[in-house]
Amino acid sequence: MIDFNSESFFKLKPMDPEKVFKPIYAFLIEGEEIFAAFKTVRDQLVFTNKRVIATNVQGMTGSKVDYTSIPYNKVQTFSVETSGTLDRDTEIDFYISSIGKIRFEIRGSFDIVGFNRLISEHVLK
């Protein structure tokens, strides 16, 4: 499982959902669709209508990859923080009893308010 306390994994940039790692599509179940995707240099974070899928590429060659799924029904609380004048990053926090707080930091231009609405639709079911 990914170490969700590692700060380096969660400094993300938005990416085209159609460019996510091909194996992620094999993990999707019937009716599951990707609505947002983010990346670091090597890792990716995918939000679907059912869960969050975090990928952690490991080793020098990158041939070993850890895939961690976080179902929305396990999210107890979540928050979003908009960017400011000097702090251009937005943040998403999930609170899960078995893991604790997970923070995703999004760099660059991103509609966090619209994203909050999408997350709300899935977490608050």
N, C-alpha and C. Protein backbone atom coordinates (compact mmCIF):
# COMPACT_ATOMS: atom_id res chain seq x y z
N MET A 1 0.85 -1.18 0.00
CA MET A 1 0.00 0.00 0.00
C MET A 1 0.89 1.24 0.00
N ILE A 2 0.42 2.27 -0.64
CA ILE A 2 1.14 3.53 -0.71
C ILE A 2 1.23 4.15 0.68
N ASP A 3 2.38 4.74 0.98
CA ASP A 3 2.56 5.45 2.24
C ASP A 3 1.93 6.84 2.08
N PHE A 4 0.73 7.00 2.61
CA PHE A 4 0.01 8.25 2.43
C PHE A 4 0.54 9.39 3.29
N ASN A 5 1.58 9.12 4.09
CA ASN A 5 2.21 10.19 4.86
C ASN A 5 3.37 10.82 4.10
N SER A 6 3.72 10.26 2.95
CA SER A 6 4.81 10.79 2.13
C SER A 6 4.36 12.06 1.43
N GLU A 7 5.05 13.15 1.67
CA GLU A 7 4.68 14.44 1.08
C GLU A 7 4.91 14.48 -0.43
N SER A 8 5.91 13.75 -0.93
CA SER A 8 6.28 13.87 -2.34
C SER A 8 5.22 13.35 -3.29
N PHE A 9 4.45 12.34 -2.87
CA PHE A 9 3.48 11.74 -3.79
C PHE A 9 2.35 12.70 -4.14
N PHE A 10 2.02 13.60 -3.26
CA PHE A 10 0.78 14.34 -3.40
C PHE A 10 0.92 15.75 -3.96
N LYS A 11 2.04 16.08 -4.58
CA LYS A 11 2.18 17.36 -5.28
C LYS A 11 1.87 17.09 -6.75
N LEU A 12 0.61 17.30 -7.10
CA LEU A 12 0.06 16.82 -8.36
C LEU A 12 -0.26 17.94 -9.34
N LYS A 13 -0.27 17.58 -10.62
CA LYS A 13 -0.71 18.48 -11.68
C LYS A 13 -1.87 17.80 -12.41
N PRO A 14 -2.89 18.57 -12.79
CA PRO A 14 -3.99 17.97 -13.57
C PRO A 14 -3.46 17.39 -14.88
N MET A 15 -4.08 16.31 -15.33
CA MET A 15 -3.69 15.69 -16.60
C MET A 15 -4.94 15.22 -17.34
N ASP A 16 -4.78 14.92 -18.59
CA ASP A 16 -5.88 14.40 -19.41
C ASP A 16 -6.22 12.99 -18.93
N PRO A 17 -7.47 12.74 -18.51
CA PRO A 17 -7.84 11.40 -18.04
C PRO A 17 -7.59 10.29 -19.07
N GLU A 18 -7.55 10.63 -20.33
CA GLU A 18 -7.32 9.61 -21.35
C GLU A 18 -5.86 9.17 -21.42
N LYS A 19 -4.97 9.86 -20.67
CA LYS A 19 -3.55 9.52 -20.70
C LYS A 19 -3.09 8.80 -19.43
N VAL A 20 -4.04 8.28 -18.65
CA VAL A 20 -3.65 7.53 -17.45
C VAL A 20 -3.03 6.20 -17.85
N PHE A 21 -2.30 5.60 -16.93
CA PHE A 21 -1.66 4.31 -17.19
C PHE A 21 -2.69 3.31 -17.70
N LYS A 22 -2.37 2.59 -18.73
CA LYS A 22 -3.29 1.61 -19.33
C LYS A 22 -3.78 0.57 -18.32
N PRO A 23 -2.93 0.04 -17.41
CA PRO A 23 -3.43 -0.96 -16.46
C PRO A 23 -4.58 -0.47 -15.59
N ILE A 24 -4.69 0.82 -15.37
CA ILE A 24 -5.77 1.35 -14.54
C ILE A 24 -7.12 1.02 -15.18
N TYR A 25 -7.21 1.08 -16.49
CA TYR A 25 -8.46 0.76 -17.17
C TYR A 25 -8.88 -0.69 -16.93
N ALA A 26 -7.91 -1.59 -16.75
CA ALA A 26 -8.22 -2.99 -16.46
C ALA A 26 -8.81 -3.15 -15.06
N PHE A 27 -8.53 -2.23 -14.15
CA PHE A 27 -9.04 -2.30 -12.78
C PHE A 27 -10.49 -1.79 -12.67
N LEU A 28 -10.95 -1.01 -13.63
CA LEU A 28 -12.27 -0.42 -13.53
C LEU A 28 -13.36 -1.48 -13.66
N ILE A 29 -14.39 -1.33 -12.84
CA ILE A 29 -15.51 -2.27 -12.90
C ILE A 29 -16.59 -1.71 -13.82
N GLU A 30 -17.59 -2.51 -14.11
CA GLU A 30 -18.66 -2.09 -15.00
C GLU A 30 -19.33 -0.83 -14.45
N GLY A 31 -19.49 0.16 -15.30
CA GLY A 31 -20.12 1.41 -14.91
C GLY A 31 -19.19 2.42 -14.27
N GLU A 32 -17.94 2.05 -14.05
CA GLU A 32 -16.98 2.97 -13.42
C GLU A 32 -16.30 3.82 -14.49
N GLU A 33 -16.27 5.13 -14.25
CA GLU A 33 -15.71 6.06 -15.21
C GLU A 33 -14.77 7.03 -14.52
N ILE A 34 -13.70 7.39 -15.20
CA ILE A 34 -12.74 8.37 -14.68
C ILE A 34 -13.27 9.77 -14.95
N PHE A 35 -13.28 10.63 -13.91
CA PHE A 35 -13.69 12.00 -14.14
C PHE A 35 -12.59 13.02 -13.87
N ALA A 36 -11.47 12.62 -13.26
CA ALA A 36 -10.34 13.52 -13.06
C ALA A 36 -9.08 12.70 -12.89
N ALA A 37 -7.95 13.24 -13.35
CA ALA A 37 -6.67 12.55 -13.21
C ALA A 37 -5.58 13.59 -12.96
N PHE A 38 -4.59 13.17 -12.18
CA PHE A 38 -3.48 14.04 -11.80
C PHE A 38 -2.19 13.23 -11.87
N LYS A 39 -1.06 13.94 -11.97
CA LYS A 39 0.22 13.23 -12.07
C LYS A 39 1.32 13.98 -11.33
N THR A 40 2.33 13.21 -10.96
CA THR A 40 3.61 13.75 -10.54
C THR A 40 4.56 13.38 -11.66
N VAL A 41 5.84 13.35 -11.39
CA VAL A 41 6.78 12.95 -12.43
C VAL A 41 6.52 11.51 -12.88
N ARG A 42 6.30 10.60 -11.90
CA ARG A 42 6.11 9.19 -12.25
C ARG A 42 4.77 8.62 -11.79
N ASP A 43 4.16 9.20 -10.79
CA ASP A 43 2.95 8.63 -10.18
C ASP A 43 1.70 9.30 -10.73
N GLN A 44 0.55 8.64 -10.52
CA GLN A 44 -0.72 9.20 -10.97
C GLN A 44 -1.79 8.98 -9.91
N LEU A 45 -2.78 9.86 -9.92
CA LEU A 45 -3.93 9.77 -9.03
C LEU A 45 -5.17 9.93 -9.90
N VAL A 46 -6.09 8.97 -9.81
CA VAL A 46 -7.26 8.95 -10.67
C VAL A 46 -8.51 8.95 -9.80
N PHE A 47 -9.45 9.84 -10.10
CA PHE A 47 -10.74 9.90 -9.42
C PHE A 47 -11.78 9.34 -10.37
N THR A 48 -12.48 8.30 -9.93
CA THR A 48 -13.56 7.73 -10.71
C THR A 48 -14.87 8.04 -10.00
N ASN A 49 -15.96 7.57 -10.55
CA ASN A 49 -17.26 7.77 -9.90
C ASN A 49 -17.46 6.80 -8.73
N LYS A 50 -16.49 5.92 -8.45
CA LYS A 50 -16.61 4.95 -7.36
C LYS A 50 -15.50 5.03 -6.32
N ARG A 51 -14.30 5.52 -6.73
CA ARG A 51 -13.14 5.49 -5.84
C ARG A 51 -12.01 6.38 -6.36
N VAL A 52 -10.97 6.44 -5.55
CA VAL A 52 -9.71 7.07 -5.95
C VAL A 52 -8.71 5.95 -6.15
N ILE A 53 -7.97 5.99 -7.24
CA ILE A 53 -6.92 5.00 -7.50
C ILE A 53 -5.59 5.75 -7.53
N ALA A 54 -4.71 5.40 -6.59
CA ALA A 54 -3.39 6.01 -6.52
C ALA A 54 -2.36 5.02 -7.06
N THR A 55 -1.48 5.48 -7.94
CA THR A 55 -0.42 4.63 -8.46
C THR A 55 0.92 5.18 -8.01
N ASN A 56 1.78 4.29 -7.57
CA ASN A 56 3.12 4.65 -7.10
C ASN A 56 4.11 3.80 -7.88
N VAL A 57 4.82 4.42 -8.81
CA VAL A 57 5.82 3.73 -9.61
C VAL A 57 7.07 3.59 -8.75
N GLN A 58 7.59 2.35 -8.65
CA GLN A 58 8.69 2.08 -7.75
C GLN A 58 9.94 1.62 -8.50
N GLY A 59 11.08 1.83 -7.88
CA GLY A 59 12.35 1.36 -8.43
C GLY A 59 12.88 2.24 -9.54
N MET A 60 14.12 1.99 -9.91
CA MET A 60 14.76 2.80 -10.95
C MET A 60 14.16 2.57 -12.32
N THR A 61 13.74 1.34 -12.60
CA THR A 61 13.20 1.05 -13.93
C THR A 61 11.71 1.34 -14.03
N GLY A 62 11.05 1.44 -12.90
CA GLY A 62 9.62 1.72 -12.92
C GLY A 62 8.77 0.54 -13.32
N SER A 63 9.34 -0.66 -13.29
CA SER A 63 8.58 -1.83 -13.69
C SER A 63 7.64 -2.33 -12.58
N LYS A 64 7.91 -1.92 -11.34
CA LYS A 64 7.05 -2.31 -10.22
C LYS A 64 6.15 -1.12 -9.89
N VAL A 65 4.83 -1.36 -9.84
CA VAL A 65 3.86 -0.29 -9.58
C VAL A 65 2.90 -0.74 -8.49
N ASP A 66 2.67 0.13 -7.50
CA ASP A 66 1.69 -0.13 -6.46
C ASP A 66 0.41 0.62 -6.84
N TYR A 67 -0.72 -0.08 -6.83
CA TYR A 67 -2.03 0.51 -7.10
C TYR A 67 -2.85 0.41 -5.81
N THR A 68 -3.29 1.54 -5.28
CA THR A 68 -4.09 1.56 -4.07
C THR A 68 -5.44 2.17 -4.38
N SER A 69 -6.52 1.49 -4.00
CA SER A 69 -7.88 1.98 -4.22
C SER A 69 -8.45 2.48 -2.90
N ILE A 70 -9.09 3.63 -2.96
CA ILE A 70 -9.78 4.20 -1.81
C ILE A 70 -11.24 4.39 -2.20
N PRO A 71 -12.12 3.48 -1.77
CA PRO A 71 -13.55 3.61 -2.10
C PRO A 71 -14.14 4.83 -1.39
N TYR A 72 -15.01 5.54 -2.07
CA TYR A 72 -15.62 6.74 -1.47
C TYR A 72 -16.43 6.41 -0.22
N ASN A 73 -16.95 5.19 -0.12
CA ASN A 73 -17.75 4.86 1.07
C ASN A 73 -16.89 4.74 2.33
N LYS A 74 -15.58 4.78 2.20
CA LYS A 74 -14.68 4.75 3.36
C LYS A 74 -14.25 6.16 3.78
N VAL A 75 -14.57 7.16 2.97
CA VAL A 75 -14.23 8.54 3.31
C VAL A 75 -15.25 9.05 4.31
N GLN A 76 -14.78 9.42 5.51
CA GLN A 76 -15.67 9.89 6.56
C GLN A 76 -15.89 11.39 6.49
N THR A 77 -14.87 12.11 6.15
CA THR A 77 -14.92 13.57 6.04
C THR A 77 -13.97 13.98 4.94
N PHE A 78 -14.28 15.08 4.26
CA PHE A 78 -13.33 15.60 3.28
C PHE A 78 -13.42 17.11 3.27
N SER A 79 -12.34 17.74 2.83
CA SER A 79 -12.33 19.19 2.73
C SER A 79 -11.52 19.60 1.51
N VAL A 80 -11.82 20.77 0.99
CA VAL A 80 -11.03 21.34 -0.10
C VAL A 80 -10.60 22.75 0.33
N GLU A 81 -9.46 23.15 -0.16
CA GLU A 81 -8.94 24.48 0.13
C GLU A 81 -8.60 25.14 -1.20
N THR A 82 -9.16 26.30 -1.44
CA THR A 82 -8.92 27.01 -2.69
C THR A 82 -7.54 27.66 -2.65
N SER A 83 -7.05 28.06 -3.81
CA SER A 83 -5.77 28.76 -3.89
C SER A 83 -5.95 30.21 -3.47
N GLY A 84 -4.85 30.84 -3.12
CA GLY A 84 -4.88 32.24 -2.72
C GLY A 84 -4.01 33.07 -3.64
N THR A 85 -3.78 34.30 -3.24
CA THR A 85 -2.97 35.20 -4.06
C THR A 85 -1.52 34.73 -4.13
N LEU A 86 -0.93 34.41 -3.00
CA LEU A 86 0.45 33.96 -2.98
C LEU A 86 0.59 32.44 -3.02
N ASP A 87 -0.36 31.74 -2.44
CA ASP A 87 -0.35 30.27 -2.45
C ASP A 87 -1.25 29.81 -3.59
N ARG A 88 -0.64 29.39 -4.69
CA ARG A 88 -1.38 29.04 -5.91
C ARG A 88 -1.89 27.60 -5.91
N ASP A 89 -1.54 26.83 -4.89
CA ASP A 89 -1.95 25.43 -4.83
C ASP A 89 -3.34 25.29 -4.20
N THR A 90 -4.07 24.27 -4.64
CA THR A 90 -5.33 23.89 -4.00
C THR A 90 -5.09 22.56 -3.30
N GLU A 91 -5.89 22.27 -2.29
CA GLU A 91 -5.68 21.05 -1.52
C GLU A 91 -7.00 20.32 -1.30
N ILE A 92 -6.90 19.00 -1.29
CA ILE A 92 -8.04 18.13 -1.01
C ILE A 92 -7.61 17.22 0.14
N ASP A 93 -8.39 17.17 1.20
CA ASP A 93 -8.11 16.28 2.33
C ASP A 93 -9.23 15.25 2.45
N PHE A 94 -8.84 13.99 2.56
CA PHE A 94 -9.78 12.91 2.87
C PHE A 94 -9.42 12.38 4.25
N TYR A 95 -10.42 12.06 5.04
CA TYR A 95 -10.20 11.46 6.35
C TYR A 95 -10.82 10.07 6.33
N ILE A 96 -9.97 9.07 6.57
CA ILE A 96 -10.38 7.67 6.53
C ILE A 96 -9.90 7.03 7.83
N SER A 97 -10.80 6.36 8.54
CA SER A 97 -10.47 5.86 9.87
C SER A 97 -9.27 4.90 9.87
N SER A 98 -9.14 4.05 8.88
CA SER A 98 -8.06 3.07 8.86
C SER A 98 -6.71 3.66 8.47
N ILE A 99 -6.71 4.85 7.84
CA ILE A 99 -5.47 5.46 7.35
C ILE A 99 -5.18 6.78 8.06
N GLY A 100 -6.21 7.56 8.30
CA GLY A 100 -6.03 8.91 8.83
C GLY A 100 -6.28 9.92 7.73
N LYS A 101 -5.60 11.05 7.83
CA LYS A 101 -5.79 12.11 6.84
C LYS A 101 -4.87 11.89 5.64
N ILE A 102 -5.46 12.05 4.46
CA ILE A 102 -4.70 12.00 3.21
C ILE A 102 -4.85 13.36 2.54
N ARG A 103 -3.75 14.00 2.23
CA ARG A 103 -3.80 15.31 1.57
C ARG A 103 -3.26 15.19 0.16
N PHE A 104 -4.06 15.70 -0.79
CA PHE A 104 -3.65 15.80 -2.19
C PHE A 104 -3.47 17.27 -2.50
N GLU A 105 -2.27 17.66 -2.90
CA GLU A 105 -1.97 19.05 -3.21
C GLU A 105 -1.90 19.21 -4.73
N ILE A 106 -2.76 20.07 -5.27
CA ILE A 106 -2.85 20.26 -6.72
C ILE A 106 -2.14 21.57 -7.08
N ARG A 107 -1.18 21.47 -7.96
CA ARG A 107 -0.43 22.64 -8.43
C ARG A 107 -1.03 23.16 -9.73
N GLY A 108 -0.99 24.46 -9.91
CA GLY A 108 -1.46 25.04 -11.16
C GLY A 108 -2.94 25.33 -11.15
N SER A 109 -3.44 25.71 -12.31
CA SER A 109 -4.84 26.10 -12.46
C SER A 109 -5.75 24.87 -12.37
N PHE A 110 -6.74 24.95 -11.47
CA PHE A 110 -7.65 23.83 -11.28
C PHE A 110 -8.93 24.34 -10.64
N ASP A 111 -10.07 23.87 -11.14
CA ASP A 111 -11.38 24.28 -10.62
C ASP A 111 -11.73 23.42 -9.41
N ILE A 112 -11.26 23.83 -8.23
CA ILE A 112 -11.46 23.05 -7.01
C ILE A 112 -12.92 23.09 -6.57
N VAL A 113 -13.63 24.17 -6.84
CA VAL A 113 -15.05 24.26 -6.45
C VAL A 113 -15.88 23.26 -7.26
N GLY A 114 -15.68 23.20 -8.56
CA GLY A 114 -16.38 22.23 -9.39
C GLY A 114 -15.99 20.81 -9.03
N PHE A 115 -14.71 20.60 -8.71
CA PHE A 115 -14.24 19.29 -8.29
C PHE A 115 -14.90 18.88 -6.97
N ASN A 116 -15.05 19.83 -6.04
CA ASN A 116 -15.71 19.56 -4.76
C ASN A 116 -17.13 19.06 -5.00
N ARG A 117 -17.82 19.65 -5.95
CA ARG A 117 -19.18 19.22 -6.27
C ARG A 117 -19.19 17.77 -6.77
N LEU A 118 -18.23 17.42 -7.63
CA LEU A 118 -18.15 16.04 -8.13
C LEU A 118 -17.85 15.05 -7.00
N ILE A 119 -16.89 15.38 -6.16
CA ILE A 119 -16.56 14.51 -5.03
C ILE A 119 -17.77 14.38 -4.11
N SER A 120 -18.46 15.48 -3.85
CA SER A 120 -19.65 15.45 -2.97
C SER A 120 -20.70 14.49 -3.49
N GLU A 121 -20.90 14.49 -4.79
CA GLU A 121 -21.90 13.59 -5.39
C GLU A 121 -21.60 12.12 -5.10
N HIS A 122 -20.33 11.78 -4.97
CA HIS A 122 -19.95 10.38 -4.77
C HIS A 122 -19.75 10.02 -3.30
N VAL A 123 -19.21 10.92 -2.52
CA VAL A 123 -18.97 10.63 -1.10
C VAL A 123 -20.27 10.69 -0.31
N LEU A 124 -21.18 11.59 -0.66
CA LEU A 124 -22.38 11.81 0.14
C LEU A 124 -23.55 10.91 -0.26
N LYS A 125 -23.33 9.90 -1.06
CA LYS A 125 -24.41 8.98 -1.46
C LYS A 125 -24.90 8.17 -0.28
